[in-house]
Structures are given as structure tokens and as C-alpha cells.
Amino acid sequence: MKAARKTARDIVIWVTLTGGIVALVLGQTIIGLIVLAFAIWQLVLVARGGGGLFVDQRAADRPGKPTVS
């Protein structure tokens, strides 16, 4: 399940990045910049070791005091 989640995340990020570039090429500057900014933000989160789009929230749903891991 974890591999499928990472694969889906990577596909969504690359499709978003490609969509932003296509929007810029087709003259949709504002939409292209917004989509590119989102894609780059997600790439930075993934590069830092974060979850990106699909963050596992199971630990947050446990009862008790929350911990940072």
C-alpha cells in the first residue's frame, strides 16, 4: 500500500508539473504559474522527506496526546 501511495503521489506531481508547463506554453500565464508553484511546493516537500500529497494520518487519529515523529 505504501508503494502504491508513493507511486500515485509521484504521478500526480509530475502530471501537475507538466500541466503547468503546458498552460504556460498555451498562454495561460496565471493558471500555469499557480499549477507550477503547487507542483514545485510538492516536489520540495517530497525532497525534504515529507509526505507530500498523501500524508499518513493514522498516527494522528490515535487517542492521547499527539507526538511529533
PDB file of N, CA and C in Angstrom:
ATOM      1  N   MET A   1       0.820  -1.193   0.000  1.00  0.00           N
ATOM      2  CA  MET A   1       0.000   0.000   0.000  1.00  0.00           C
ATOM      3  C   MET A   1       0.867   1.263   0.000  1.00  0.00           C
ATOM      4  N   LYS A   2       1.973   1.205   0.739  1.00  0.00           N
ATOM      5  CA  LYS A   2       2.850   2.365   0.816  1.00  0.00           C
ATOM      6  C   LYS A   2       3.489   2.674  -0.544  1.00  0.00           C
ATOM      7  N   ALA A   3       3.875   1.620  -1.267  1.00  0.00           N
ATOM      8  CA  ALA A   3       4.472   1.826  -2.589  1.00  0.00           C
ATOM      9  C   ALA A   3       3.449   2.403  -3.557  1.00  0.00           C
ATOM     10  N   ALA A   4       2.225   1.932  -3.484  1.00  0.00           N
ATOM     11  CA  ALA A   4       1.170   2.456  -4.359  1.00  0.00           C
ATOM     12  C   ALA A   4       0.891   3.922  -4.053  1.00  0.00           C
ATOM     13  N   ARG A   5       0.918   4.273  -2.777  1.00  0.00           N
ATOM     14  CA  ARG A   5       0.682   5.657  -2.383  1.00  0.00           C
ATOM     15  C   ARG A   5       1.794   6.570  -2.904  1.00  0.00           C
ATOM     16  N   LYS A   6       3.054   6.099  -2.806  1.00  0.00           N
ATOM     17  CA  LYS A   6       4.175   6.898  -3.312  1.00  0.00           C
ATOM     18  C   LYS A   6       4.119   7.031  -4.827  1.00  0.00           C
ATOM     19  N   THR A   7       3.768   5.948  -5.504  1.00  0.00           N
ATOM     20  CA  THR A   7       3.664   5.993  -6.957  1.00  0.00           C
ATOM     21  C   THR A   7       2.567   6.958  -7.385  1.00  0.00           C
ATOM     22  N   ALA A   8       1.419   6.896  -6.723  1.00  0.00           N
ATOM     23  CA  ALA A   8       0.318   7.805  -7.046  1.00  0.00           C
ATOM     24  C   ALA A   8       0.726   9.252  -6.789  1.00  0.00           C
ATOM     25  N   ARG A   9       1.417   9.492  -5.690  1.00  0.00           N
ATOM     26  CA  ARG A   9       1.886  10.840  -5.371  1.00  0.00           C
ATOM     27  C   ARG A   9       2.825  11.359  -6.448  1.00  0.00           C
ATOM     28  N   ASP A  10       3.772  10.530  -6.864  1.00  0.00           N
ATOM     29  CA  ASP A  10       4.727  10.943  -7.883  1.00  0.00           C
ATOM     30  C   ASP A  10       4.048  11.220  -9.218  1.00  0.00           C
ATOM     31  N   ILE A  11       3.081  10.383  -9.575  1.00  0.00           N
ATOM     32  CA  ILE A  11       2.361  10.587 -10.836  1.00  0.00           C
ATOM     33  C   ILE A  11       1.580  11.893 -10.802  1.00  0.00           C
ATOM     34  N   VAL A  12       0.897  12.156  -9.696  1.00  0.00           N
ATOM     35  CA  VAL A  12       0.132  13.387  -9.578  1.00  0.00           C
ATOM     36  C   VAL A  12       1.051  14.603  -9.647  1.00  0.00           C
ATOM     37  N   ILE A  13       2.187  14.543  -9.009  1.00  0.00           N
ATOM     38  CA  ILE A  13       3.124  15.677  -9.021  1.00  0.00           C
ATOM     39  C   ILE A  13       3.649  15.916 -10.440  1.00  0.00           C
ATOM     40  N   TRP A  14       4.034  14.863 -11.131  1.00  0.00           N
ATOM     41  CA  TRP A  14       4.578  15.049 -12.480  1.00  0.00           C
ATOM     42  C   TRP A  14       3.508  15.488 -13.484  1.00  0.00           C
ATOM     43  N   VAL A  15       2.294  14.999 -13.325  1.00  0.00           N
ATOM     44  CA  VAL A  15       1.204  15.452 -14.197  1.00  0.00           C
ATOM     45  C   VAL A  15       0.905  16.936 -13.931  1.00  0.00           C
ATOM     46  N   THR A  16       0.919  17.334 -12.676  1.00  0.00           N
ATOM     47  CA  THR A  16       0.689  18.733 -12.324  1.00  0.00           C
ATOM     48  C   THR A  16       1.802  19.619 -12.880  1.00  0.00           C
ATOM     49  N   LEU A  17       3.032  19.174 -12.754  1.00  0.00           N
ATOM     50  CA  LEU A  17       4.165  19.925 -13.293  1.00  0.00           C
ATOM     51  C   LEU A  17       4.046  20.070 -14.805  1.00  0.00           C
ATOM     52  N   THR A  18       3.712  18.982 -15.473  1.00  0.00           N
ATOM     53  CA  THR A  18       3.550  19.011 -16.927  1.00  0.00           C
ATOM     54  C   THR A  18       2.380  19.914 -17.318  1.00  0.00           C
ATOM     55  N   GLY A  19       1.290  19.836 -16.576  1.00  0.00           N
ATOM     56  CA  GLY A  19       0.137  20.695 -16.854  1.00  0.00           C
ATOM     57  C   GLY A  19       0.466  22.166 -16.704  1.00  0.00           C
ATOM     58  N   GLY A  20       1.271  22.500 -15.719  1.00  0.00           N
ATOM     59  CA  GLY A  20       1.692  23.890 -15.537  1.00  0.00           C
ATOM     60  C   GLY A  20       2.534  24.385 -16.700  1.00  0.00           C
ATOM     61  N   ILE A  21       3.432  23.552 -17.167  1.00  0.00           N
ATOM     62  CA  ILE A  21       4.275  23.933 -18.308  1.00  0.00           C
ATOM     63  C   ILE A  21       3.422  24.087 -19.565  1.00  0.00           C
ATOM     64  N   VAL A  22       2.493  23.159 -19.780  1.00  0.00           N
ATOM     65  CA  VAL A  22       1.608  23.243 -20.952  1.00  0.00           C
ATOM     66  C   VAL A  22       0.755  24.505 -20.877  1.00  0.00           C
ATOM     67  N   ALA A  23       0.251  24.844 -19.700  1.00  0.00           N
ATOM     68  CA  ALA A  23      -0.552  26.056 -19.549  1.00  0.00           C
ATOM     69  C   ALA A  23       0.266  27.295 -19.887  1.00  0.00           C
ATOM     70  N   LEU A  24       1.516  27.314 -19.465  1.00  0.00           N
ATOM     71  CA  LEU A  24       2.375  28.462 -19.805  1.00  0.00           C
ATOM     72  C   LEU A  24       2.615  28.547 -21.306  1.00  0.00           C
ATOM     73  N   VAL A  25       2.848  27.411 -21.936  1.00  0.00           N
ATOM     74  CA  VAL A  25       3.101  27.395 -23.380  1.00  0.00           C
ATOM     75  C   VAL A  25       1.864  27.855 -24.150  1.00  0.00           C
ATOM     76  N   LEU A  26       0.675  27.485 -23.662  1.00  0.00           N
ATOM     77  CA  LEU A  26      -0.566  27.848 -24.342  1.00  0.00           C
ATOM     78  C   LEU A  26      -1.050  29.261 -24.000  1.00  0.00           C
ATOM     79  N   GLY A  27      -0.284  29.978 -23.205  1.00  0.00           N
ATOM     80  CA  GLY A  27      -0.602  31.363 -22.928  1.00  0.00           C
ATOM     81  C   GLY A  27      -1.446  31.595 -21.695  1.00  0.00           C
ATOM     82  N   GLN A  28      -1.694  30.599 -20.902  1.00  0.00           N
ATOM     83  CA  GLN A  28      -2.463  30.744 -19.671  1.00  0.00           C
ATOM     84  C   GLN A  28      -1.493  30.990 -18.514  1.00  0.00           C
ATOM     85  N   THR A  29      -0.978  32.195 -18.450  1.00  0.00           N
ATOM     86  CA  THR A  29       0.119  32.516 -17.543  1.00  0.00           C
ATOM     87  C   THR A  29      -0.246  32.331 -16.075  1.00  0.00           C
ATOM     88  N   ILE A  30      -1.359  32.891 -15.650  1.00  0.00           N
ATOM     89  CA  ILE A  30      -1.701  32.851 -14.229  1.00  0.00           C
ATOM     90  C   ILE A  30      -1.973  31.420 -13.781  1.00  0.00           C
ATOM     91  N   ILE A  31      -2.770  30.701 -14.555  1.00  0.00           N
ATOM     92  CA  ILE A  31      -3.074  29.303 -14.205  1.00  0.00           C
ATOM     93  C   ILE A  31      -1.791  28.483 -14.216  1.00  0.00           C
ATOM     94  N   GLY A  32      -0.954  28.671 -15.222  1.00  0.00           N
ATOM     95  CA  GLY A  32       0.301  27.933 -15.315  1.00  0.00           C
ATOM     96  C   GLY A  32       1.209  28.182 -14.126  1.00  0.00           C
ATOM     97  N   LEU A  33       1.310  29.439 -13.707  1.00  0.00           N
ATOM     98  CA  LEU A  33       2.173  29.766 -12.572  1.00  0.00           C
ATOM     99  C   LEU A  33       1.639  29.176 -11.266  1.00  0.00           C
ATOM    100  N   ILE A  34       0.322  29.206 -11.096  1.00  0.00           N
ATOM    101  CA  ILE A  34      -0.263  28.631  -9.884  1.00  0.00           C
ATOM    102  C   ILE A  34      -0.038  27.126  -9.840  1.00  0.00           C
ATOM    103  N   VAL A  35      -0.279  26.450 -10.964  1.00  0.00           N
ATOM    104  CA  VAL A  35      -0.105  25.000 -11.015  1.00  0.00           C
ATOM    105  C   VAL A  35       1.369  24.631 -10.843  1.00  0.00           C
ATOM    106  N   LEU A  36       2.259  25.389 -11.470  1.00  0.00           N
ATOM    107  CA  LEU A  36       3.695  25.130 -11.308  1.00  0.00           C
ATOM    108  C   LEU A  36       4.141  25.361  -9.867  1.00  0.00           C
ATOM    109  N   ALA A  37       3.636  26.406  -9.242  1.00  0.00           N
ATOM    110  CA  ALA A  37       4.003  26.672  -7.845  1.00  0.00           C
ATOM    111  C   ALA A  37       3.567  25.526  -6.946  1.00  0.00           C
ATOM    112  N   PHE A  38       2.365  24.995  -7.176  1.00  0.00           N
ATOM    113  CA  PHE A  38       1.892  23.861  -6.388  1.00  0.00           C
ATOM    114  C   PHE A  38       2.770  22.637  -6.618  1.00  0.00           C
ATOM    115  N   ALA A  39       3.111  22.360  -7.874  1.00  0.00           N
ATOM    116  CA  ALA A  39       3.935  21.191  -8.187  1.00  0.00           C
ATOM    117  C   ALA A  39       5.331  21.317  -7.580  1.00  0.00           C
ATOM    118  N   ILE A  40       5.906  22.488  -7.660  1.00  0.00           N
ATOM    119  CA  ILE A  40       7.244  22.694  -7.091  1.00  0.00           C
ATOM    120  C   ILE A  40       7.194  22.590  -5.565  1.00  0.00           C
ATOM    121  N   TRP A  41       6.136  23.122  -4.951  1.00  0.00           N
ATOM    122  CA  TRP A  41       5.973  23.006  -3.500  1.00  0.00           C
ATOM    123  C   TRP A  41       5.896  21.539  -3.091  1.00  0.00           C
ATOM    124  N   GLN A  42       5.149  20.718  -3.830  1.00  0.00           N
ATOM    125  CA  GLN A  42       5.055  19.304  -3.521  1.00  0.00           C
ATOM    126  C   GLN A  42       6.389  18.594  -3.729  1.00  0.00           C
ATOM    127  N   LEU A  43       7.129  18.959  -4.777  1.00  0.00           N
ATOM    128  CA  LEU A  43       8.452  18.361  -5.003  1.00  0.00           C
ATOM    129  C   LEU A  43       9.405  18.690  -3.860  1.00  0.00           C
ATOM    130  N   VAL A  44       9.329  19.918  -3.351  1.00  0.00           N
ATOM    131  CA  VAL A  44      10.181  20.316  -2.226  1.00  0.00           C
ATOM    132  C   VAL A  44       9.814  19.509  -0.982  1.00  0.00           C
ATOM    133  N   LEU A  45       8.513  19.333  -0.723  1.00  0.00           N
ATOM    134  CA  LEU A  45       8.094  18.531   0.428  1.00  0.00           C
ATOM    135  C   LEU A  45       8.605  17.099   0.326  1.00  0.00           C
ATOM    136  N   VAL A  46       8.528  16.523  -0.857  1.00  0.00           N
ATOM    137  CA  VAL A  46       8.995  15.150  -1.055  1.00  0.00           C
ATOM    138  C   VAL A  46      10.511  15.084  -0.905  1.00  0.00           C
ATOM    139  N   ALA A  47      11.219  16.079  -1.435  1.00  0.00           N
ATOM    140  CA  ALA A  47      12.679  16.081  -1.354  1.00  0.00           C
ATOM    141  C   ALA A  47      13.157  16.213   0.095  1.00  0.00           C
ATOM    142  N   ARG A  48      12.396  16.901   0.928  1.00  0.00           N
ATOM    143  CA  ARG A  48      12.768  17.049   2.341  1.00  0.00           C
ATOM    144  C   ARG A  48      12.420  15.818   3.168  1.00  0.00           C
ATOM    145  N   GLY A  49      11.755  14.871   2.535  1.00  0.00           N
ATOM    146  CA  GLY A  49      11.394  13.657   3.260  1.00  0.00           C
ATOM    147  C   GLY A  49       9.995  13.695   3.830  1.00  0.00           C
ATOM    148  N   GLY A  50       9.235  14.713   3.487  1.00  0.00           N
ATOM    149  CA  GLY A  50       7.850  14.800   3.953  1.00  0.00           C
ATOM    150  C   GLY A  50       6.950  13.920   3.107  1.00  0.00           C
ATOM    151  N   GLY A  51       5.700  13.955   3.415  1.00  0.00           N
ATOM    152  CA  GLY A  51       4.749  13.098   2.725  1.00  0.00           C
ATOM    153  C   GLY A  51       4.258  13.634   1.402  1.00  0.00           C
ATOM    154  N   GLY A  52       4.301  14.940   1.227  1.00  0.00           N
ATOM    155  CA  GLY A  52       3.743  15.489   0.012  1.00  0.00           C
ATOM    156  C   GLY A  52       2.230  15.422   0.054  1.00  0.00           C
ATOM    157  N   LEU A  53       1.630  15.010  -1.051  1.00  0.00           N
ATOM    158  CA  LEU A  53       0.173  14.984  -1.160  1.00  0.00           C
ATOM    159  C   LEU A  53      -0.489  13.988  -0.230  1.00  0.00           C
ATOM    160  N   PHE A  54       0.068  12.803  -0.126  1.00  0.00           N
ATOM    161  CA  PHE A  54      -0.563  11.731   0.620  1.00  0.00           C
ATOM    162  C   PHE A  54       0.185  11.506   1.923  1.00  0.00           C
ATOM    163  N   VAL A  55      -0.268  12.138   2.981  1.00  0.00           N
ATOM    164  CA  VAL A  55       0.361  12.003   4.282  1.00  0.00           C
ATOM    165  C   VAL A  55      -0.418  10.962   5.082  1.00  0.00           C
ATOM    166  N   ASP A  56       0.288  10.065   5.713  1.00  0.00           N
ATOM    167  CA  ASP A  56      -0.345   9.031   6.524  1.00  0.00           C
ATOM    168  C   ASP A  56      -0.847   9.658   7.822  1.00  0.00           C
ATOM    169  N   GLN A  57      -2.151   9.692   7.989  1.00  0.00           N
ATOM    170  CA  GLN A  57      -2.756  10.338   9.146  1.00  0.00           C
ATOM    171  C   GLN A  57      -3.142   9.363  10.257  1.00  0.00           C
ATOM    172  N   ARG A  58      -2.792   8.085  10.126  1.00  0.00           N
ATOM    173  CA  ARG A  58      -3.215   7.107  11.125  1.00  0.00           C
ATOM    174  C   ARG A  58      -2.685   7.429  12.517  1.00  0.00           C
ATOM    175  N   ALA A  59      -1.469   7.927  12.616  1.00  0.00           N
ATOM    176  CA  ALA A  59      -0.904   8.260  13.930  1.00  0.00           C
ATOM    177  C   ALA A  59      -1.655   9.426  14.558  1.00  0.00           C
ATOM    178  N   ALA A  60      -2.139  10.338  13.755  1.00  0.00           N
ATOM    179  CA  ALA A  60      -2.861  11.499  14.279  1.00  0.00           C
ATOM    180  C   ALA A  60      -4.245  11.121  14.791  1.00  0.00           C
ATOM    181  N   ASP A  61      -4.764  10.014  14.313  1.00  0.00           N
ATOM    182  CA  ASP A  61      -6.103   9.588  14.728  1.00  0.00           C
ATOM    183  C   ASP A  61      -6.113   8.781  16.018  1.00  0.00           C
ATOM    184  N   ARG A  62      -4.955   8.443  16.551  1.00  0.00           N
ATOM    185  CA  ARG A  62      -4.891   7.661  17.781  1.00  0.00           C
ATOM    186  C   ARG A  62      -5.268   8.524  18.971  1.00  0.00           C
ATOM    187  N   PRO A  63      -5.913   7.948  19.964  1.00  0.00           N
ATOM    188  CA  PRO A  63      -6.260   8.750  21.151  1.00  0.00           C
ATOM    189  C   PRO A  63      -5.009   9.067  21.976  1.00  0.00           C
ATOM    190  N   GLY A  64      -5.101  10.105  22.732  1.00  0.00           N
ATOM    191  CA  GLY A  64      -3.986  10.502  23.591  1.00  0.00           C
ATOM    192  C   GLY A  64      -3.297  11.747  23.089  1.00  0.00           C
ATOM    193  N   LYS A  65      -2.258  12.115  23.774  1.00  0.00           N
ATOM    194  CA  LYS A  65      -1.509  13.316  23.429  1.00  0.00           C
ATOM    195  C   LYS A  65      -0.756  13.105  22.121  1.00  0.00           C
ATOM    196  N   PRO A  66      -0.847  14.042  21.189  1.00  0.00           N
ATOM    197  CA  PRO A  66      -0.136  13.881  19.919  1.00  0.00           C
ATOM    198  C   PRO A  66       1.377  14.019  20.085  1.00  0.00           C
ATOM    199  N   THR A  67       2.119  13.269  19.288  1.00  0.00           N
ATOM    200  CA  THR A  67       3.578  13.333  19.310  1.00  0.00           C
ATOM    201  C   THR A  67       4.067  13.670  17.921  1.00  0.00           C
ATOM    202  N   VAL A  68       5.217  14.291  17.870  1.00  0.00           N
ATOM    203  CA  VAL A  68       5.836  14.645  16.589  1.00  0.00           C
ATOM    204  C   VAL A  68       6.897  13.599  16.304  1.00  0.00           C
ATOM    205  N   SER A  69       6.810  12.995  15.121  1.00  0.00           N
ATOM    206  CA  SER A  69       7.825  11.986  14.781  1.00  0.00           C
ATOM    207  C   SER A  69       8.514  12.328  13.495  1.00  0.00           C
TER     208      SER A  69
END
